[in-house]
Amino acid sequence: MKRLLSFLITLGIVAFVGFKAGVWWLTDQRMAQARSELSSYGVLERGQIGSALDGRVTLRQSRWEDFRLTQPLQLGLIEFDAGSPVTLLTTLANPSPLPATWSLAAEQASMALEPTMFRNWLTAGTETQSRLPPLVSLACAPDPRQQLGSGDLMRMGISAIRGDVHLKQSPEGVRLEINSAETGSLEAEWPGARVHLSGLAATLESSAEPVRITFRDAGLMRRLSAYCARETGQDVNQWARNAVSVMEAGLKARGYDGSDQLLALYRQWLMEGGELQFAIQPGAGTYGIPVRSESVTEAAWPVDYNGAGVPDIYLTEMVVPEPQLPLEALEPVIPREEPGVQQWYPADLEGVQTWLGRQVRVTLSNGNQVEGRLVSVGERELEVSRTVAGGEVAYPILIRAITQFDVWRRGRAD
């Protein structure tokens, strides 16, 4: 009896050590494969490998550094649960296909924010001469073409994006949860879908059912709308109306006209935020939003806002308007300078670097003017610093958006 007990204990220890070693080695191989396949996009650090006898493998203190971003993504804990130790070993040995039931969680994920998150080589030369106007453009600067960026989030008090991600596969479908304390949460349920590692196309084709999405903003939109309205010198209502006008123009450029209720819902969401529930159809042209025409009248898009249904959400097909030719810019009239008199005098943008540290006035193509101290000049933009609430805030301004550049100085004799 004692020999049998010793044998069983020894066998259990050998099985335990063998399982741990096998999971560690297979996980290391899979991570090395992933690191090799992603090497052209960034650097993946797997962190510390751990496992449990119930079929779970964990990675602690992992890290992903994308070549396009200036800050890495820190992953405190990644956990893959296969449901059983045998299924875990089988999946690690041959990940394709994935088991019928599994879950993946990324906890304590965080990315610190910087005023410029994308590297200079990525943003240089990305402007295109002909493209469709954007559907969403949230202006948070005197120049309306400057959209909301990471620098604006930092000035709002959001220094990093932190949250947890949970992905669960079951025979009924896929469920995704993304939770963040400061930027809200997202829940998505896709009945009948299956995740395929072979590619996104196989995953999208796995189910014809719509994806049910629930989005909560955790008060972010109220803070954002108040901040952007202040930075653009408008009230919240006017700022929201301008953002709605951008969406309306973007839809018209794509051949659609949004219903009044759709535009009103977007405006309300920008100002108040809250909870949105809707369904989208992956792979569809309008993602499942009904499109009406003279001959076809489809049902409205089912959308719930803060628990109440919103009727008459749809798009209407229309003829895309022909783009208008831009008007030729008029040459500015340069007044004669008065020697010794200190006032605003126009200056050439080609020599703008000579005015670093001086008080300048910038007139934008939309008629807005920005006054402040010139603090930096780059290839595509310059920064003007203004005093706000006892401190200085630097505003980036695209050089191509400037129609006139003035400097506060004394006049020179001709």
Protein backbone atom coordinates (compact mmCIF):
# COMPACT_ATOMS: atom_id res chain seq x y z
CA MET A 1 0.00 0.00 0.00
CA LYS A 2 2.84 2.34 0.87
CA ARG A 3 4.55 1.59 -2.47
CA LEU A 4 1.33 2.27 -4.37
CA LEU A 5 0.85 5.56 -2.56
CA SER A 6 4.47 6.56 -3.27
CA PHE A 7 4.02 5.62 -6.91
CA LEU A 8 0.86 7.68 -7.23
CA ILE A 9 2.50 10.68 -5.56
CA THR A 10 5.55 10.39 -7.82
CA LEU A 11 3.34 9.99 -10.88
CA GLY A 12 1.34 13.07 -9.87
CA ILE A 13 4.49 15.15 -9.38
CA VAL A 14 5.88 14.03 -12.76
CA ALA A 15 2.56 14.82 -14.47
CA PHE A 16 2.38 18.21 -12.77
CA VAL A 17 5.95 19.14 -13.74
CA GLY A 18 5.44 17.77 -17.25
CA PHE A 19 2.25 19.80 -17.69
CA LYS A 20 3.90 22.99 -16.43
CA ALA A 21 6.97 22.49 -18.60
CA GLY A 22 4.90 21.60 -21.66
CA VAL A 23 2.64 24.64 -21.30
CA TRP A 24 5.65 26.93 -20.77
CA TRP A 25 7.51 25.60 -23.81
CA LEU A 26 4.47 25.63 -26.13
CA THR A 27 3.47 29.14 -25.00
CA ASP A 28 7.01 30.37 -25.58
CA GLN A 29 6.92 28.87 -29.10
CA ARG A 30 3.57 30.48 -29.92
CA MET A 31 4.74 33.87 -28.63
CA ALA A 32 7.97 33.60 -30.63
CA GLN A 33 5.87 32.88 -33.73
CA ALA A 34 3.62 35.88 -33.01
CA ARG A 35 6.65 38.09 -32.40
CA SER A 36 8.11 37.05 -35.76
CA GLU A 37 4.86 37.65 -37.68
CA LEU A 38 4.39 41.08 -36.06
CA SER A 39 8.02 42.17 -36.38
CA SER A 40 7.24 44.50 -39.29
CA TYR A 41 4.66 46.37 -37.17
CA GLY A 42 6.30 46.51 -33.75
CA VAL A 43 8.04 44.70 -30.91
CA LEU A 44 6.19 42.16 -28.74
CA GLU A 45 7.53 41.21 -25.30
CA ARG A 46 5.80 38.13 -23.89
CA GLY A 47 6.55 38.71 -20.19
CA GLN A 48 6.40 35.95 -17.55
CA ILE A 49 4.57 32.71 -18.37
CA GLY A 50 2.38 30.95 -15.82
CA SER A 51 -0.25 28.21 -15.94
CA ALA A 52 -2.92 26.44 -13.88
CA LEU A 53 -4.18 22.86 -13.88
CA ASP A 54 -7.72 23.96 -14.78
CA GLY A 55 -6.58 24.84 -18.32
CA ARG A 56 -5.40 28.43 -17.99
CA VAL A 57 -2.16 30.05 -19.18
CA THR A 58 -1.14 33.57 -18.14
CA LEU A 59 1.34 36.19 -19.28
CA ARG A 60 2.36 38.88 -16.80
CA GLN A 61 3.96 42.25 -17.57
CA SER A 62 3.72 41.85 -21.35
CA ARG A 63 4.37 44.77 -23.64
CA TRP A 64 3.59 45.79 -27.23
CA GLU A 65 5.52 48.67 -28.80
CA ASP A 66 4.04 49.74 -32.11
CA PHE A 67 6.47 51.41 -34.51
CA ARG A 68 3.78 53.97 -35.39
CA LEU A 69 3.18 55.15 -31.82
CA THR A 70 5.43 56.99 -29.42
CA GLN A 71 4.17 55.10 -26.35
CA PRO A 72 3.99 51.33 -25.74
CA LEU A 73 0.94 49.35 -24.64
CA GLN A 74 1.53 47.83 -21.21
CA LEU A 75 -0.39 44.61 -20.43
CA GLY A 76 -0.35 43.72 -16.75
CA LEU A 77 -2.05 40.31 -17.18
CA ILE A 78 -3.13 38.26 -20.20
CA GLU A 79 -5.06 35.07 -19.47
CA PHE A 80 -6.20 32.39 -21.93
CA ASP A 81 -8.67 29.85 -20.56
CA ALA A 82 -9.19 26.72 -22.68
CA GLY A 83 -11.46 25.00 -20.14
CA SER A 84 -9.30 21.93 -19.46
CA PRO A 85 -5.58 21.05 -19.35
CA VAL A 86 -5.85 18.67 -22.29
CA THR A 87 -7.60 21.28 -24.45
CA LEU A 88 -4.99 23.85 -23.44
CA LEU A 89 -2.08 21.65 -24.52
CA THR A 90 -3.86 20.72 -27.75
CA THR A 91 -4.62 24.36 -28.57
CA LEU A 92 -1.07 25.52 -27.84
CA ALA A 93 0.33 22.72 -30.00
CA ASN A 94 -2.05 23.52 -32.89
CA PRO A 95 -3.94 26.85 -32.47
CA SER A 96 -5.94 26.41 -35.66
CA PRO A 97 -8.75 25.65 -35.26
CA LEU A 98 -9.56 27.10 -31.85
CA PRO A 99 -11.71 25.04 -29.46
CA ALA A 100 -15.47 25.51 -29.33
CA THR A 101 -15.28 27.25 -25.94
CA TRP A 102 -12.50 29.51 -24.69
CA SER A 103 -11.91 32.96 -23.24
CA LEU A 104 -9.16 35.56 -23.44
CA ALA A 105 -8.74 38.43 -20.96
CA ALA A 106 -6.31 41.35 -20.89
CA GLU A 107 -6.34 43.13 -17.56
CA GLN A 108 -4.49 46.22 -16.32
CA ALA A 109 -3.86 47.35 -19.89
CA SER A 110 -2.60 50.92 -20.16
CA MET A 111 -1.02 53.36 -22.59
CA ALA A 112 0.35 56.72 -21.48
CA LEU A 113 -0.67 59.72 -23.60
CA GLU A 114 1.60 62.33 -25.18
CA PRO A 115 0.68 65.51 -27.08
CA THR A 116 1.86 63.75 -30.27
CA MET A 117 1.14 60.02 -30.30
CA PHE A 118 2.04 59.26 -33.93
CA ARG A 119 5.64 59.43 -35.06
CA ASN A 120 6.66 62.22 -37.46
CA TRP A 121 7.64 59.89 -40.30
CA LEU A 122 4.13 58.44 -40.23
CA THR A 123 2.24 61.74 -40.38
CA ALA A 124 4.52 63.37 -42.98
CA GLY A 125 3.06 63.35 -46.46
CA THR A 126 -0.23 61.71 -45.50
CA GLU A 127 -2.43 64.48 -46.88
CA THR A 128 -4.28 63.60 -50.04
CA GLN A 129 -5.59 66.02 -52.62
CA SER A 130 -8.88 64.24 -53.28
CA ARG A 131 -10.73 62.24 -50.64
CA LEU A 132 -14.17 62.02 -49.13
CA PRO A 133 -14.82 64.40 -46.24
CA PRO A 134 -14.87 62.73 -42.81
CA LEU A 135 -18.08 61.68 -41.12
CA VAL A 136 -16.80 62.56 -37.65
CA SER A 137 -14.66 65.64 -37.04
CA LEU A 138 -14.54 67.09 -33.53
CA ALA A 139 -12.83 70.48 -33.66
CA CYS A 140 -11.03 71.43 -30.44
CA ALA A 141 -8.94 74.38 -31.67
CA PRO A 142 -9.49 77.70 -33.45
CA ASP A 143 -8.80 75.95 -36.77
CA PRO A 144 -11.81 73.63 -37.33
CA ARG A 145 -9.70 71.26 -39.43
CA GLN A 146 -7.64 70.34 -36.38
CA GLN A 147 -9.43 67.36 -34.86
CA LEU A 148 -9.49 66.08 -31.31
CA GLY A 149 -6.13 64.62 -30.37
CA SER A 150 -4.22 63.10 -27.48
CA GLY A 151 -3.00 66.54 -26.41
CA ASP A 152 -6.60 67.63 -25.88
CA LEU A 153 -7.32 64.55 -23.76
CA MET A 154 -4.28 65.39 -21.61
CA ARG A 155 -5.53 68.95 -21.10
CA MET A 156 -8.84 67.43 -20.03
CA GLY A 157 -7.03 65.53 -17.28
CA ILE A 158 -6.78 62.11 -19.03
CA SER A 159 -3.09 61.21 -18.86
CA ALA A 160 -3.45 57.58 -19.97
CA ILE A 161 -5.91 55.09 -21.43
CA ARG A 162 -6.46 52.25 -18.94
CA GLY A 163 -8.87 49.36 -19.01
CA ASP A 164 -9.63 45.64 -19.31
CA VAL A 165 -10.61 43.56 -22.34
CA HIS A 166 -12.53 40.27 -22.21
CA LEU A 167 -13.23 38.09 -25.25
CA LYS A 168 -15.31 34.90 -24.86
CA GLN A 169 -16.02 32.27 -27.50
CA SER A 170 -18.90 29.84 -26.95
CA PRO A 171 -21.03 27.63 -29.21
CA GLU A 172 -23.65 30.42 -29.14
CA GLY A 173 -21.27 33.07 -30.49
CA VAL A 174 -18.69 35.67 -29.50
CA ARG A 175 -18.89 38.25 -26.72
CA LEU A 176 -16.48 41.17 -26.31
CA GLU A 177 -16.24 43.56 -23.35
CA ILE A 178 -13.97 46.60 -23.10
CA ASN A 179 -14.10 48.52 -19.84
CA SER A 180 -12.32 51.80 -19.06
CA ALA A 181 -12.81 54.02 -16.05
CA GLU A 182 -12.45 57.40 -17.82
CA THR A 183 -13.46 56.72 -21.43
CA GLY A 184 -16.46 54.42 -21.04
CA SER A 185 -17.22 50.81 -21.93
CA LEU A 186 -18.15 48.75 -24.98
CA GLU A 187 -20.05 45.45 -25.13
CA ALA A 188 -20.53 43.47 -28.34
CA GLU A 189 -22.45 40.22 -28.84
CA TRP A 190 -22.29 38.34 -32.15
CA PRO A 191 -24.54 35.25 -32.26
CA GLY A 192 -23.21 32.30 -34.23
CA ALA A 193 -19.80 33.85 -34.89
CA ARG A 194 -16.47 32.09 -34.50
CA VAL A 195 -13.00 33.63 -34.24
CA HIS A 196 -10.57 32.30 -36.85
CA LEU A 197 -6.83 32.87 -36.62
CA SER A 198 -6.50 32.45 -40.39
CA GLY A 199 -7.70 36.01 -40.98
CA LEU A 200 -10.37 38.63 -40.42
CA ALA A 201 -12.29 37.62 -43.56
CA ALA A 202 -12.95 34.12 -42.21
CA THR A 203 -14.22 35.59 -38.93
CA LEU A 204 -16.55 38.03 -40.70
CA GLU A 205 -17.98 35.22 -42.84
CA SER A 206 -18.61 32.94 -39.85
CA SER A 207 -22.03 34.41 -39.08
CA ALA A 208 -24.74 36.29 -40.94
CA GLU A 209 -26.29 37.58 -37.72
CA PRO A 210 -25.93 41.27 -36.75
CA VAL A 211 -23.63 42.37 -33.93
CA ARG A 212 -25.45 43.88 -30.97
CA ILE A 213 -23.40 46.74 -29.47
CA THR A 214 -23.85 48.61 -26.19
CA PHE A 215 -21.69 51.69 -25.62
CA ARG A 216 -21.50 53.78 -22.45
CA ASP A 217 -19.38 56.95 -22.32
CA ALA A 218 -18.96 57.28 -18.50
CA GLY A 219 -19.47 61.06 -18.71
CA LEU A 220 -16.71 61.55 -21.30
CA MET A 221 -18.88 63.33 -23.90
CA ARG A 222 -20.02 66.04 -21.49
CA ARG A 223 -16.43 66.82 -20.56
CA LEU A 224 -15.28 66.66 -24.17
CA SER A 225 -18.03 68.89 -25.56
CA ALA A 226 -17.50 71.51 -22.83
CA TYR A 227 -13.73 71.50 -23.42
CA CYS A 228 -13.92 71.68 -27.22
CA ALA A 229 -16.56 74.39 -27.13
CA ARG A 230 -14.34 76.49 -24.88
CA GLU A 231 -11.25 75.96 -27.06
CA THR A 232 -13.11 76.96 -30.23
CA GLY A 233 -14.71 80.01 -28.60
CA GLN A 234 -18.26 78.72 -29.03
CA ASP A 235 -21.05 77.54 -26.80
CA VAL A 236 -21.76 73.81 -26.59
CA ASN A 237 -24.87 73.99 -28.78
CA GLN A 238 -23.05 75.76 -31.63
CA TRP A 239 -20.08 73.38 -31.38
CA ALA A 240 -22.41 70.37 -31.58
CA ARG A 241 -24.28 71.87 -34.55
CA ASN A 242 -20.98 72.32 -36.40
CA ALA A 243 -20.04 68.68 -35.74
CA VAL A 244 -23.46 67.57 -37.03
CA SER A 245 -22.93 69.67 -40.17
CA VAL A 246 -19.66 67.81 -40.78
CA MET A 247 -21.45 64.45 -40.55
CA GLU A 248 -24.25 65.69 -42.82
CA ALA A 249 -21.73 66.84 -45.44
CA GLY A 250 -19.82 63.56 -45.18
CA LEU A 251 -22.99 61.54 -45.74
CA LYS A 252 -23.99 63.65 -48.74
CA ALA A 253 -20.53 63.17 -50.29
CA ARG A 254 -21.13 59.41 -50.05
CA GLY A 255 -24.57 59.62 -51.65
CA TYR A 256 -26.72 59.52 -48.51
CA ASP A 257 -28.90 61.90 -46.57
CA GLY A 258 -29.30 61.27 -42.85
CA SER A 259 -32.77 61.42 -41.34
CA ASP A 260 -33.60 64.24 -38.95
CA GLN A 261 -33.75 61.81 -36.05
CA LEU A 262 -30.31 60.40 -36.90
CA LEU A 263 -28.71 63.83 -36.90
CA ALA A 264 -30.60 64.86 -33.75
CA LEU A 265 -29.44 61.70 -31.95
CA TYR A 266 -25.83 62.38 -32.93
CA ARG A 267 -26.10 65.96 -31.65
CA GLN A 268 -27.63 64.82 -28.36
CA TRP A 269 -24.93 62.18 -27.92
CA LEU A 270 -22.17 64.74 -28.46
CA MET A 271 -23.54 67.02 -25.75
CA GLU A 272 -24.85 64.56 -23.16
CA GLY A 273 -23.39 61.11 -23.89
CA GLY A 274 -25.07 58.21 -22.11
CA GLU A 275 -25.85 54.67 -23.22
CA LEU A 276 -26.34 53.67 -26.87
CA GLN A 277 -27.58 50.26 -28.04
CA PHE A 278 -27.69 49.33 -31.70
CA ALA A 279 -26.93 46.51 -34.13
CA ILE A 280 -24.53 46.55 -37.07
CA GLN A 281 -24.02 44.15 -39.94
CA PRO A 282 -20.29 43.46 -40.52
CA GLY A 283 -19.30 43.64 -44.16
CA ALA A 284 -22.42 45.57 -45.24
CA GLY A 285 -22.01 48.86 -47.12
CA THR A 286 -23.76 50.95 -44.46
CA TYR A 287 -23.16 48.43 -41.63
CA GLY A 288 -26.84 47.55 -41.52
CA ILE A 289 -28.29 51.07 -41.36
CA PRO A 290 -31.43 51.01 -43.55
CA VAL A 291 -31.17 52.96 -46.83
CA ARG A 292 -34.38 54.30 -48.31
CA SER A 293 -35.01 55.42 -51.88
CA GLU A 294 -38.00 56.44 -53.99
CA SER A 295 -38.87 52.80 -54.67
CA VAL A 296 -37.70 51.16 -51.44
CA THR A 297 -38.83 52.09 -47.92
CA GLU A 298 -37.03 49.95 -45.35
CA ALA A 299 -37.76 49.80 -41.66
CA ALA A 300 -35.92 52.21 -39.38
CA TRP A 301 -32.68 51.27 -37.66
CA PRO A 302 -33.42 49.93 -34.12
CA VAL A 303 -31.49 52.18 -31.73
CA ASP A 304 -31.97 52.61 -27.97
CA TYR A 305 -30.68 55.73 -26.22
CA ASN A 306 -30.56 55.59 -22.43
CA GLY A 307 -33.02 52.69 -22.45
CA ALA A 308 -35.60 54.30 -24.76
CA GLY A 309 -36.12 53.47 -28.43
CA VAL A 310 -35.37 56.19 -30.99
CA PRO A 311 -37.65 56.06 -34.05
CA ASP A 312 -36.98 57.01 -37.68
CA ILE A 313 -33.23 56.35 -37.83
CA TYR A 314 -32.31 55.70 -41.47
CA LEU A 315 -30.43 56.97 -44.54
CA THR A 316 -31.90 58.18 -47.81
CA GLU A 317 -30.21 57.60 -51.14
CA MET A 318 -29.40 60.78 -53.05
CA VAL A 319 -27.36 62.02 -55.98
CA VAL A 320 -23.79 62.92 -55.04
CA PRO A 321 -23.24 66.65 -55.74
CA GLU A 322 -20.46 67.66 -58.11
CA PRO A 323 -17.49 69.18 -56.26
CA GLN A 324 -17.14 72.92 -56.76
CA LEU A 325 -13.93 74.33 -58.15
CA PRO A 326 -11.96 76.30 -55.53
CA LEU A 327 -11.76 80.07 -56.00
CA GLU A 328 -8.36 81.59 -56.71
CA ALA A 329 -6.84 83.14 -53.61
CA LEU A 330 -6.47 86.90 -53.75
CA GLU A 331 -3.08 88.43 -53.09
CA PRO A 332 -3.14 90.31 -49.78
CA VAL A 333 -2.60 94.02 -49.88
CA ILE A 334 0.56 94.89 -47.92
CA PRO A 335 0.29 98.37 -46.35
CA ARG A 336 3.26 100.72 -46.22
CA GLU A 337 5.10 100.49 -42.91
CA GLU A 338 5.40 103.51 -40.63
CA PRO A 339 8.96 103.77 -39.25
CA GLY A 340 9.13 103.53 -35.46
CA VAL A 341 5.40 102.85 -35.02
CA GLN A 342 4.65 99.59 -33.14
CA GLN A 343 1.66 97.73 -34.54
CA TRP A 344 0.69 94.62 -36.48
CA TYR A 345 2.68 94.19 -39.71
CA PRO A 346 2.25 91.31 -42.19
CA ALA A 347 5.14 88.88 -42.59
CA ASP A 348 6.05 86.21 -45.12
CA LEU A 349 5.42 82.63 -43.99
CA GLU A 350 8.63 81.48 -45.68
CA GLY A 351 10.68 83.31 -43.05
CA VAL A 352 8.39 82.57 -40.11
CA GLN A 353 11.23 81.00 -38.08
CA THR A 354 12.83 84.44 -37.66
CA TRP A 355 9.89 85.48 -35.46
CA LEU A 356 10.24 82.75 -32.80
CA GLY A 357 9.41 84.15 -29.38
CA ARG A 358 7.61 87.21 -30.81
CA GLN A 359 3.95 88.13 -30.47
CA VAL A 360 2.11 87.09 -33.64
CA ARG A 361 -1.41 87.12 -35.05
CA VAL A 362 -2.54 84.28 -37.32
CA THR A 363 -5.58 84.59 -39.59
CA LEU A 364 -7.05 81.24 -40.67
CA SER A 365 -8.91 80.36 -43.84
CA ASN A 366 -12.22 80.25 -41.92
CA GLY A 367 -11.75 83.85 -40.73
CA ASN A 368 -10.74 83.05 -37.15
CA GLN A 369 -7.73 84.79 -35.65
CA VAL A 370 -5.27 83.49 -33.08
CA GLU A 371 -2.95 85.79 -31.15
CA GLY A 372 -0.08 84.64 -29.00
CA ARG A 373 3.62 83.95 -28.75
CA LEU A 374 5.23 81.92 -31.56
CA VAL A 375 6.96 79.00 -29.77
CA SER A 376 7.86 76.52 -32.54
CA VAL A 377 7.82 76.06 -36.31
CA GLY A 378 7.79 72.72 -38.15
CA GLU A 379 7.45 71.61 -41.74
CA ARG A 380 3.66 71.32 -41.65
CA GLU A 381 2.56 73.33 -38.61
CA LEU A 382 3.52 75.99 -36.12
CA GLU A 383 2.59 76.47 -32.47
CA VAL A 384 1.21 79.65 -30.92
CA SER A 385 1.14 79.89 -27.13
CA ARG A 386 -1.73 81.68 -25.39
CA THR A 387 -2.25 82.49 -21.72
CA VAL A 388 -5.20 80.53 -20.33
CA ALA A 389 -6.22 80.56 -16.64
CA GLY A 390 -2.83 81.76 -15.46
CA GLY A 391 -0.81 79.34 -17.60
CA GLU A 392 0.31 78.98 -21.19
CA VAL A 393 -1.21 76.51 -23.66
CA ALA A 394 0.42 75.91 -27.07
CA TYR A 395 -1.96 75.45 -30.00
CA PRO A 396 -0.71 73.70 -33.15
CA ILE A 397 -1.85 75.38 -36.39
CA LEU A 398 -1.49 73.90 -39.86
CA ILE A 399 0.57 76.22 -42.06
CA ARG A 400 -1.61 75.49 -45.09
CA ALA A 401 -4.64 76.85 -43.16
CA ILE A 402 -3.02 80.28 -42.62
CA THR A 403 -4.11 83.08 -44.94
CA GLN A 404 -2.27 85.92 -43.19
CA PHE A 405 0.58 86.07 -40.68
CA ASP A 406 1.18 89.32 -38.73
CA VAL A 407 3.91 90.25 -36.24
CA TRP A 408 3.68 92.89 -33.50
CA ARG A 409 6.78 95.02 -34.10
CA ARG A 410 8.03 98.50 -34.98
CA GLY A 411 7.78 99.58 -38.59
CA ARG A 412 10.85 99.83 -40.80
CA ALA A 413 11.72 102.48 -43.32
CA ASP A 414 11.41 101.43 -46.98
